[in-house]
Amino acid sequence: MAMLYLTRREGEAVIVNNEIEVRVLGVRGRTVRLGFRFPPDTTVLREELFEQIRRANEEAATAGRSLAGAVARKGPKEDR
């Protein structure tokens, strides 16, 4: 994945893929207020929430593989 670095002033924007607008709404000290305009089917998450979901998905996938491996090693139950 690439990282693009831009300098924008208050009121200026960048357009991504001809459909996502990211506009600088204000700057106060070290805080920048951004506005986003995007299609309704676009998913937008704060980075910390995205990472939390990614970790949870990885843990669930790992647990699922471990469980599947345990079941495979045990083999099918025989009818008595």
C-alpha atoms as a PDB file:
ATOM      1  CA  MET A   1       0.000   0.000   0.000  1.00  0.00           C
ATOM      2  CA  ALA A   2       1.281   3.472  -0.858  1.00  0.00           C
ATOM      3  CA  MET A   3       1.180   6.625   1.251  1.00  0.00           C
ATOM      4  CA  LEU A   4       0.585  10.003  -0.384  1.00  0.00           C
ATOM      5  CA  TYR A   5       1.594  13.150   1.514  1.00  0.00           C
ATOM      6  CA  LEU A   6      -0.210  16.397   0.708  1.00  0.00           C
ATOM      7  CA  THR A   7      -0.397  19.867   2.140  1.00  0.00           C
ATOM      8  CA  ARG A   8      -3.873  21.416   2.150  1.00  0.00           C
ATOM      9  CA  ARG A   9      -5.139  24.626   3.633  1.00  0.00           C
ATOM     10  CA  GLU A  10      -8.484  25.193   5.309  1.00  0.00           C
ATOM     11  CA  GLY A  11     -11.245  24.948   2.709  1.00  0.00           C
ATOM     12  CA  GLU A  12      -9.138  22.899   0.264  1.00  0.00           C
ATOM     13  CA  ALA A  13      -9.910  19.291  -0.626  1.00  0.00           C
ATOM     14  CA  VAL A  14      -8.630  16.190  -2.380  1.00  0.00           C
ATOM     15  CA  ILE A  15     -10.768  13.870  -4.519  1.00  0.00           C
ATOM     16  CA  VAL A  16     -10.156  10.102  -4.437  1.00  0.00           C
ATOM     17  CA  ASN A  17     -11.327   7.823  -7.278  1.00  0.00           C
ATOM     18  CA  ASN A  18     -13.491  10.625  -8.708  1.00  0.00           C
ATOM     19  CA  GLU A  19     -16.073  10.075  -5.954  1.00  0.00           C
ATOM     20  CA  ILE A  20     -14.617  10.577  -2.455  1.00  0.00           C
ATOM     21  CA  GLU A  21     -13.954  14.122  -1.279  1.00  0.00           C
ATOM     22  CA  VAL A  22     -11.788  14.860   1.760  1.00  0.00           C
ATOM     23  CA  ARG A  23     -11.933  18.546   2.727  1.00  0.00           C
ATOM     24  CA  VAL A  24     -10.046  20.451   5.420  1.00  0.00           C
ATOM     25  CA  LEU A  25     -12.786  22.207   7.395  1.00  0.00           C
ATOM     26  CA  GLY A  26     -10.633  23.777  10.078  1.00  0.00           C
ATOM     27  CA  VAL A  27      -7.311  23.765  11.868  1.00  0.00           C
ATOM     28  CA  ARG A  28      -6.899  24.560  15.584  1.00  0.00           C
ATOM     29  CA  GLY A  29      -3.417  24.092  16.953  1.00  0.00           C
ATOM     30  CA  ARG A  30      -2.485  20.458  16.337  1.00  0.00           C
ATOM     31  CA  THR A  31      -6.048  19.364  15.489  1.00  0.00           C
ATOM     32  CA  VAL A  32      -7.386  19.212  11.941  1.00  0.00           C
ATOM     33  CA  ARG A  33     -11.117  18.932  11.256  1.00  0.00           C
ATOM     34  CA  LEU A  34     -11.881  16.981   8.079  1.00  0.00           C
ATOM     35  CA  GLY A  35     -15.095  16.575   6.131  1.00  0.00           C
ATOM     36  CA  PHE A  36     -15.781  13.570   3.901  1.00  0.00           C
ATOM     37  CA  ARG A  37     -18.255  13.195   1.040  1.00  0.00           C
ATOM     38  CA  PHE A  38     -18.576   9.635  -0.297  1.00  0.00           C
ATOM     39  CA  PRO A  39     -21.034   7.196  -1.888  1.00  0.00           C
ATOM     40  CA  PRO A  40     -23.564   5.646   0.530  1.00  0.00           C
ATOM     41  CA  ASP A  41     -22.141   2.118   0.092  1.00  0.00           C
ATOM     42  CA  THR A  42     -18.654   3.199   1.229  1.00  0.00           C
ATOM     43  CA  THR A  43     -17.370   1.948   4.592  1.00  0.00           C
ATOM     44  CA  VAL A  44     -15.529   4.511   6.725  1.00  0.00           C
ATOM     45  CA  LEU A  45     -13.958   3.601  10.080  1.00  0.00           C
ATOM     46  CA  ARG A  46     -11.598   5.341  12.457  1.00  0.00           C
ATOM     47  CA  GLU A  47      -8.226   3.596  12.357  1.00  0.00           C
ATOM     48  CA  GLU A  48      -8.414   2.348  15.956  1.00  0.00           C
ATOM     49  CA  LEU A  49     -11.823   0.742  15.342  1.00  0.00           C
ATOM     50  CA  PHE A  50     -10.637  -0.785  12.051  1.00  0.00           C
ATOM     51  CA  GLU A  51      -7.651  -2.347  13.866  1.00  0.00           C
ATOM     52  CA  GLN A  52      -9.866  -3.683  16.669  1.00  0.00           C
ATOM     53  CA  ILE A  53     -12.162  -5.378  14.146  1.00  0.00           C
ATOM     54  CA  ARG A  54      -9.193  -6.748  12.162  1.00  0.00           C
ATOM     55  CA  ARG A  55      -7.656  -8.282  15.307  1.00  0.00           C
ATOM     56  CA  ALA A  56     -10.989  -9.813  16.363  1.00  0.00           C
ATOM     57  CA  ASN A  57     -11.417 -11.338  12.887  1.00  0.00           C
ATOM     58  CA  GLU A  58      -7.887 -12.768  12.962  1.00  0.00           C
ATOM     59  CA  GLU A  59      -8.474 -14.278  16.422  1.00  0.00           C
ATOM     60  CA  ALA A  60     -11.778 -15.806  15.285  1.00  0.00           C
ATOM     61  CA  ALA A  61     -10.141 -17.272  12.175  1.00  0.00           C
ATOM     62  CA  THR A  62      -7.295 -18.730  14.249  1.00  0.00           C
ATOM     63  CA  ALA A  63      -9.740 -20.221  16.753  1.00  0.00           C
ATOM     64  CA  GLY A  64     -11.795 -21.680  13.907  1.00  0.00           C
ATOM     65  CA  ARG A  65      -8.719 -23.322  12.361  1.00  0.00           C
ATOM     66  CA  SER A  66      -7.706 -24.723  15.751  1.00  0.00           C
ATOM     67  CA  LEU A  67     -11.171 -26.144  16.339  1.00  0.00           C
ATOM     68  CA  ALA A  68     -11.329 -27.620  12.824  1.00  0.00           C
ATOM     69  CA  GLY A  69      -7.920 -29.236  13.362  1.00  0.00           C
ATOM     70  CA  ALA A  70      -9.013 -30.746  16.681  1.00  0.00           C
ATOM     71  CA  VAL A  71     -12.172 -32.178  15.140  1.00  0.00           C
ATOM     72  CA  ALA A  72     -10.219 -33.587  12.192  1.00  0.00           C
ATOM     73  CA  ARG A  73      -7.688 -35.295  14.515  1.00  0.00           C
ATOM     74  CA  LYS A  74     -10.445 -36.802  16.658  1.00  0.00           C
ATOM     75  CA  GLY A  75     -12.260 -38.236  13.629  1.00  0.00           C
ATOM     76  CA  PRO A  76     -15.955 -38.944  13.168  1.00  0.00           C
ATOM     77  CA  LYS A  77     -17.992 -40.524  15.939  1.00  0.00           C
ATOM     78  CA  GLU A  78     -19.033 -44.094  15.325  1.00  0.00           C
ATOM     79  CA  ASP A  79     -22.654 -45.136  15.875  1.00  0.00           C
ATOM     80  CA  ARG A  80     -23.007 -47.780  18.556  1.00  0.00           C
END
